[in-house]
Amino acid sequence: MNKRNKAKEIITRLLSFSPPLLHSLRFTRRFIWLATAVRRYESRLPFKGIIGENRGFYRYDLSNKTIYSIKSLYKKQAKTPTALTIGPENIDAFQEIFSKLENPVIDYLGKEVKLDGINFFIRSGLDSLTQKGFSTNWHTDNVGVRLKVFLCFDGDGTQPTIIIPPKKNIPSLQYLAYVYFLEVLRWLNIQNKIPLKNELFLNHRTGTVFVLDTNVLHRGSWVNSTETRHLLQFEFSNPDKHELMKGILEGPIGTKNTNSFSFHKSLSKLNCFYKFIDNKRSYKQGLYINYRNNDSK
């Protein structure tokens, strides 16, 4: 064993006695890569449309008919442990959802953007007391620019997402330093839920849809709620960036097992939805098309 490898082994052993310090160092490495190579790539994105004008977020509302369809989809999915399966009975709901998403998402991320996945995200006020409450601290999702869509099909607004939009869509170095300081506290197991200047509250109520660039500083707020919040989430990013991040940044980006899904072939005729499907991640199985990462085939 050479001196370099021996020193690396010693450092790794020392850090193993302090998991928070190890996590914070890994986060720092990730953050530096995002602030350099990934940031240079993302500087070429258009950042136009309503999401760009709002500096990273957008809200719209859905009809009661669509909300009923999503609730039915959730009830059906709750009965089986398999990946989310979208049937022909949901086509009208997805028509409304994606017809309102199509232009804003493309205007912001460009024509190469693809859908990474869809998943249900359920939280209660009690979750803030468990490991799930980690996201109630200030953070970004550490994947660079990525749009996450929060469709609330059951919620009363008492579990909002709080955001601090930057002054520019490509954040300044000052904003990045601010984000780093706040987030490294989280990895050191230091609570950072303090109120900050210029906070905006995205109140998730039944029928609302919020589109958020998770590169914006944000946190969840559940402590004032005893209710359970039900969201259907969609994630969008550029597949080219997945290659840039491979081997250096592990998740949460791209199609993972947690947000894999299947959809009936009839939805392939829905252009506002199907244009976001990455053919490299999809394969047919009977009447359905499975959307997976390569490892889950």
Protein backbone atom coordinates (compact mmCIF):
# COMPACT_ATOMS: atom_id res chain seq x y z
CA MET A 1 0.00 0.00 0.00
CA ASN A 2 1.49 3.35 -1.01
CA LYS A 3 1.60 6.37 1.30
CA ARG A 4 -1.31 8.09 -0.43
CA ASN A 5 -3.67 5.13 -0.04
CA LYS A 6 -2.54 4.59 3.53
CA ALA A 7 -3.25 8.22 4.41
CA LYS A 8 -6.67 7.96 2.75
CA GLU A 9 -7.47 4.85 4.79
CA ILE A 10 -6.45 6.55 8.03
CA ILE A 11 -8.59 9.62 7.27
CA THR A 12 -11.58 7.42 6.37
CA ARG A 13 -11.27 5.53 9.66
CA LEU A 14 -11.06 8.75 11.64
CA LEU A 15 -14.10 10.18 9.90
CA SER A 16 -16.07 6.99 10.55
CA PHE A 17 -16.15 7.99 14.23
CA SER A 18 -18.03 11.17 13.26
CA PRO A 19 -20.73 10.42 10.65
CA PRO A 20 -22.01 14.06 10.59
CA LEU A 21 -18.50 15.30 9.72
CA LEU A 22 -18.16 12.63 7.01
CA HIS A 23 -21.57 13.59 5.57
CA SER A 24 -20.67 17.28 5.58
CA LEU A 25 -17.41 16.60 3.71
CA ARG A 26 -19.22 14.53 1.10
CA PHE A 27 -21.77 17.31 0.76
CA THR A 28 -18.97 19.86 0.31
CA ARG A 29 -17.41 17.81 -2.48
CA ARG A 30 -20.79 17.53 -4.18
CA PHE A 31 -21.51 21.23 -3.72
CA ILE A 32 -18.20 22.28 -5.30
CA TRP A 33 -18.89 20.12 -8.37
CA LEU A 34 -22.37 21.59 -8.70
CA ALA A 35 -21.03 25.14 -8.33
CA THR A 36 -18.41 24.62 -11.05
CA ALA A 37 -18.86 22.01 -13.82
CA VAL A 38 -22.63 21.59 -13.49
CA ARG A 39 -23.19 25.34 -13.15
CA ARG A 40 -21.28 25.96 -16.40
CA TYR A 41 -23.52 23.45 -18.17
CA GLU A 42 -26.70 24.95 -16.72
CA SER A 43 -25.76 28.49 -17.69
CA ARG A 44 -26.81 27.51 -21.23
CA LEU A 45 -30.40 26.71 -20.22
CA PRO A 46 -33.07 29.23 -21.38
CA PHE A 47 -34.70 30.03 -17.99
CA LYS A 48 -37.59 31.72 -19.80
CA GLY A 49 -41.36 31.77 -19.30
CA ILE A 50 -43.35 32.10 -16.11
CA ILE A 51 -40.96 29.95 -14.03
CA GLY A 52 -38.01 32.10 -15.08
CA GLU A 53 -39.91 35.31 -14.38
CA ASN A 54 -40.75 34.03 -10.89
CA ARG A 55 -37.12 32.99 -10.29
CA GLY A 56 -37.81 29.30 -10.01
CA PHE A 57 -41.46 28.55 -9.25
CA TYR A 58 -44.95 28.59 -10.71
CA ARG A 59 -48.46 27.76 -9.48
CA TYR A 60 -51.63 26.63 -11.23
CA ASP A 61 -54.89 24.93 -10.23
CA LEU A 62 -56.65 21.78 -11.38
CA SER A 63 -60.32 20.87 -11.84
CA ASN A 64 -62.23 18.74 -9.34
CA LYS A 65 -62.53 16.04 -12.00
CA THR A 66 -58.75 15.72 -12.29
CA ILE A 67 -58.30 15.67 -8.53
CA TYR A 68 -60.88 12.88 -8.25
CA SER A 69 -58.98 10.91 -10.90
CA ILE A 70 -55.68 11.27 -9.01
CA LYS A 71 -57.33 10.26 -5.73
CA SER A 72 -58.68 7.13 -7.44
CA LEU A 73 -55.21 6.40 -8.84
CA TYR A 74 -53.75 6.70 -5.33
CA LYS A 75 -56.35 4.37 -3.81
CA LYS A 76 -55.69 1.80 -6.54
CA GLN A 77 -51.94 2.09 -6.09
CA ALA A 78 -52.17 1.70 -2.31
CA LYS A 79 -53.51 -1.83 -2.82
CA THR A 80 -50.41 -3.07 -4.64
CA PRO A 81 -46.64 -2.84 -3.95
CA THR A 82 -45.78 -2.55 -7.65
CA ALA A 83 -44.63 0.63 -9.40
CA LEU A 84 -47.18 3.36 -10.08
CA THR A 85 -49.42 2.31 -12.98
CA ILE A 86 -51.32 4.98 -14.94
CA GLY A 87 -54.31 3.56 -16.79
CA PRO A 88 -56.47 4.80 -19.68
CA GLU A 89 -59.01 6.05 -17.14
CA ASN A 90 -56.45 8.72 -16.12
CA ILE A 91 -55.85 10.12 -19.61
CA ASP A 92 -58.12 13.17 -19.18
CA ALA A 93 -56.44 14.04 -15.89
CA PHE A 94 -52.97 13.84 -17.44
CA GLN A 95 -54.19 15.90 -20.38
CA GLU A 96 -55.07 18.75 -18.02
CA ILE A 97 -51.93 18.36 -15.87
CA PHE A 98 -49.47 18.29 -18.75
CA SER A 99 -51.20 20.83 -20.97
CA LYS A 100 -50.52 23.35 -18.19
CA LEU A 101 -46.96 22.06 -17.58
CA GLU A 102 -45.76 21.67 -21.15
CA ASN A 103 -44.78 25.21 -22.12
CA PRO A 104 -43.51 26.43 -18.71
CA VAL A 105 -41.22 23.39 -18.30
CA ILE A 106 -39.77 23.65 -21.83
CA ASP A 107 -39.41 27.43 -21.60
CA TYR A 108 -37.35 27.02 -18.43
CA LEU A 109 -35.26 23.88 -19.09
CA GLY A 110 -35.20 23.73 -22.89
CA LYS A 111 -36.50 21.34 -25.52
CA GLU A 112 -34.27 18.45 -24.40
CA VAL A 113 -35.94 18.18 -20.98
CA LYS A 114 -37.40 14.80 -20.05
CA LEU A 115 -39.59 13.38 -17.30
CA ASP A 116 -37.48 11.61 -14.67
CA GLY A 117 -40.29 10.00 -12.76
CA ILE A 118 -43.62 10.16 -10.95
CA ASN A 119 -44.33 9.17 -7.36
CA PHE A 120 -46.74 9.70 -4.51
CA PHE A 121 -45.37 11.68 -1.58
CA ILE A 122 -47.35 11.44 1.68
CA ARG A 123 -46.41 13.33 4.84
CA SER A 124 -48.00 14.00 8.23
CA GLY A 125 -47.17 16.56 10.87
CA LEU A 126 -45.65 13.78 13.00
CA ASP A 127 -43.02 13.09 10.32
CA SER A 128 -41.16 16.23 11.37
CA LEU A 129 -40.13 14.36 14.53
CA THR A 130 -38.49 11.50 12.60
CA GLN A 131 -35.70 11.18 10.03
CA LYS A 132 -38.25 12.28 7.43
CA GLY A 133 -38.10 15.68 9.07
CA PHE A 134 -34.57 16.18 7.68
CA SER A 135 -36.11 18.17 4.81
CA THR A 136 -37.64 20.68 7.23
CA ASN A 137 -34.15 22.23 7.42
CA TRP A 138 -33.07 24.75 4.79
CA HIS A 139 -31.53 23.03 1.76
CA THR A 140 -31.43 22.60 -1.98
CA ASP A 141 -31.75 19.12 -3.48
CA ASN A 142 -28.07 19.12 -4.51
CA VAL A 143 -28.70 18.12 -8.11
CA GLY A 144 -28.44 21.53 -9.73
CA VAL A 145 -31.37 22.83 -11.76
CA ARG A 146 -34.25 20.34 -11.66
CA LEU A 147 -38.00 20.97 -11.69
CA LYS A 148 -40.16 19.14 -9.22
CA VAL A 149 -43.94 19.38 -9.52
CA PHE A 150 -46.09 19.06 -6.39
CA LEU A 151 -49.70 18.20 -7.23
CA CYS A 152 -51.76 18.30 -4.03
CA PHE A 153 -54.80 16.05 -4.15
CA ASP A 154 -55.50 16.22 -0.41
CA GLY A 155 -54.17 19.03 1.76
CA ASP A 156 -55.26 22.02 3.82
CA GLY A 157 -52.25 24.31 3.31
CA THR A 158 -50.81 23.78 6.80
CA GLN A 159 -47.74 21.95 5.45
CA PRO A 160 -46.22 24.48 3.04
CA THR A 161 -42.91 24.45 1.22
CA ILE A 162 -41.01 27.64 2.12
CA ILE A 163 -38.61 29.05 -0.49
CA ILE A 164 -36.04 31.85 -0.84
CA PRO A 165 -35.90 32.69 -4.58
CA PRO A 166 -32.53 33.98 -5.83
CA LYS A 167 -32.23 37.32 -7.61
CA LYS A 168 -30.98 35.48 -10.72
CA ASN A 169 -31.92 32.11 -12.18
CA ILE A 170 -28.21 31.22 -12.21
CA PRO A 171 -27.48 32.08 -8.57
CA SER A 172 -24.66 34.45 -7.73
CA LEU A 173 -21.61 33.27 -5.79
CA GLN A 174 -22.96 35.22 -2.81
CA TYR A 175 -26.23 33.24 -2.93
CA LEU A 176 -24.29 29.97 -3.28
CA ALA A 177 -22.17 30.80 -0.23
CA TYR A 178 -25.37 31.59 1.70
CA VAL A 179 -26.89 28.26 0.65
CA TYR A 180 -23.72 26.34 1.54
CA PHE A 181 -23.54 27.82 5.04
CA LEU A 182 -27.17 26.99 5.77
CA GLU A 183 -27.05 23.49 4.36
CA VAL A 184 -23.76 22.33 5.84
CA LEU A 185 -25.39 22.89 9.23
CA ARG A 186 -28.01 20.30 8.29
CA TRP A 187 -25.33 17.70 7.48
CA LEU A 188 -23.64 18.44 10.81
CA ASN A 189 -26.96 17.63 12.55
CA ILE A 190 -27.48 21.26 13.52
CA GLN A 191 -31.07 22.46 13.13
CA ASN A 192 -31.49 25.35 10.67
CA LYS A 193 -35.21 26.03 10.58
CA ILE A 194 -34.95 29.71 11.45
CA PRO A 195 -37.15 32.26 9.63
CA LEU A 196 -35.25 34.02 6.84
CA LYS A 197 -35.70 37.27 4.95
CA ASN A 198 -37.75 37.13 1.72
CA GLU A 199 -39.49 33.84 2.51
CA LEU A 200 -42.32 32.75 0.20
CA PHE A 201 -44.84 30.11 1.25
CA LEU A 202 -46.11 27.55 -1.27
CA ASN A 203 -49.28 26.41 0.49
CA HIS A 204 -50.27 22.95 -0.69
CA ARG A 205 -54.07 22.85 -0.76
CA THR A 206 -56.27 20.35 -2.57
CA GLY A 207 -56.27 21.19 -6.27
CA THR A 208 -53.08 23.27 -6.31
CA VAL A 209 -49.97 22.48 -8.34
CA PHE A 210 -46.59 24.07 -7.57
CA VAL A 211 -43.65 23.74 -9.94
CA LEU A 212 -40.34 24.37 -8.15
CA ASP A 213 -36.73 24.46 -9.24
CA THR A 214 -35.20 22.48 -6.36
CA ASN A 215 -31.96 24.40 -6.84
CA VAL A 216 -33.78 27.19 -5.01
CA LEU A 217 -33.21 27.27 -1.25
CA HIS A 218 -36.25 25.72 0.42
CA ARG A 219 -37.58 23.66 3.30
CA GLY A 220 -40.73 21.87 4.36
CA SER A 221 -42.83 23.10 7.27
CA TRP A 222 -45.01 20.50 9.00
CA VAL A 223 -44.81 21.30 12.70
CA ASN A 224 -48.02 23.36 12.76
CA SER A 225 -50.09 20.58 11.22
CA THR A 226 -51.75 17.43 12.50
CA GLU A 227 -53.12 16.52 9.08
CA THR A 228 -51.68 14.27 6.39
CA ARG A 229 -50.67 15.90 3.11
CA HIS A 230 -51.04 13.90 -0.14
CA LEU A 231 -48.97 14.90 -3.17
CA LEU A 232 -48.33 13.41 -6.58
CA GLN A 233 -44.83 14.44 -7.67
CA PHE A 234 -43.31 14.78 -11.14
CA GLU A 235 -39.60 15.41 -11.75
CA PHE A 236 -38.02 16.96 -14.86
CA SER A 237 -34.38 17.42 -15.87
CA ASN A 238 -32.06 17.15 -18.86
CA PRO A 239 -30.67 13.63 -19.55
CA ASP A 240 -27.37 15.14 -20.72
CA LYS A 241 -26.75 16.33 -17.18
CA HIS A 242 -27.19 12.78 -15.85
CA GLU A 243 -24.05 11.81 -17.76
CA LEU A 244 -22.17 14.83 -16.43
CA MET A 245 -23.07 13.85 -12.87
CA LYS A 246 -22.52 10.10 -13.18
CA GLY A 247 -20.00 8.70 -10.70
CA ILE A 248 -19.74 11.98 -8.82
CA LEU A 249 -23.26 12.88 -7.77
CA GLU A 250 -25.40 9.96 -6.66
CA GLY A 251 -29.11 10.77 -6.88
CA PRO A 252 -31.67 12.01 -6.39
CA ILE A 253 -31.88 12.66 -10.12
CA GLY A 254 -32.95 10.56 -13.05
CA THR A 255 -35.37 7.66 -13.11
CA LYS A 256 -34.88 5.68 -9.90
CA ASN A 257 -36.81 2.72 -8.54
CA THR A 258 -38.69 5.07 -6.21
CA ASN A 259 -40.13 7.12 -9.08
CA SER A 260 -40.39 4.48 -11.80
CA PHE A 261 -43.85 4.08 -13.29
CA SER A 262 -45.87 2.42 -16.06
CA PHE A 263 -48.49 3.95 -18.31
CA HIS A 264 -51.08 2.59 -20.72
CA LYS A 265 -50.13 2.87 -24.39
CA SER A 266 -53.11 5.18 -24.99
CA LEU A 267 -51.19 7.94 -23.15
CA SER A 268 -48.52 7.82 -25.88
CA LYS A 269 -51.06 9.66 -28.07
CA LEU A 270 -51.12 12.48 -25.54
CA ASN A 271 -48.45 14.72 -27.05
CA CYS A 272 -48.16 17.13 -24.12
CA PHE A 273 -47.24 14.12 -21.94
CA TYR A 274 -45.39 11.80 -24.32
CA LYS A 275 -42.91 14.44 -25.56
CA PHE A 276 -41.33 14.26 -22.09
CA ILE A 277 -40.79 10.49 -22.23
CA ASP A 278 -37.17 9.42 -22.73
CA ASN A 279 -37.18 6.41 -25.07
CA LYS A 280 -33.90 5.21 -23.58
CA ARG A 281 -35.69 4.63 -20.29
CA SER A 282 -38.92 3.10 -21.58
CA TYR A 283 -39.89 -0.34 -22.88
CA LYS A 284 -43.17 -1.95 -23.83
CA GLN A 285 -44.79 -4.78 -21.93
CA GLY A 286 -48.17 -5.73 -23.34
CA LEU A 287 -50.57 -2.80 -23.23
CA TYR A 288 -48.28 -0.80 -20.94
CA ILE A 289 -45.00 1.07 -21.28
CA ASN A 290 -42.60 0.80 -18.34
CA TYR A 291 -40.44 3.77 -17.43
CA ARG A 292 -37.37 2.70 -15.52
CA ASN A 293 -33.68 3.30 -15.03
CA ASN A 294 -31.39 0.88 -16.84
CA ASP A 295 -30.65 -1.14 -13.71
CA SER A 296 -34.32 -1.94 -13.03
CA LYS A 297 -35.15 -3.59 -16.32
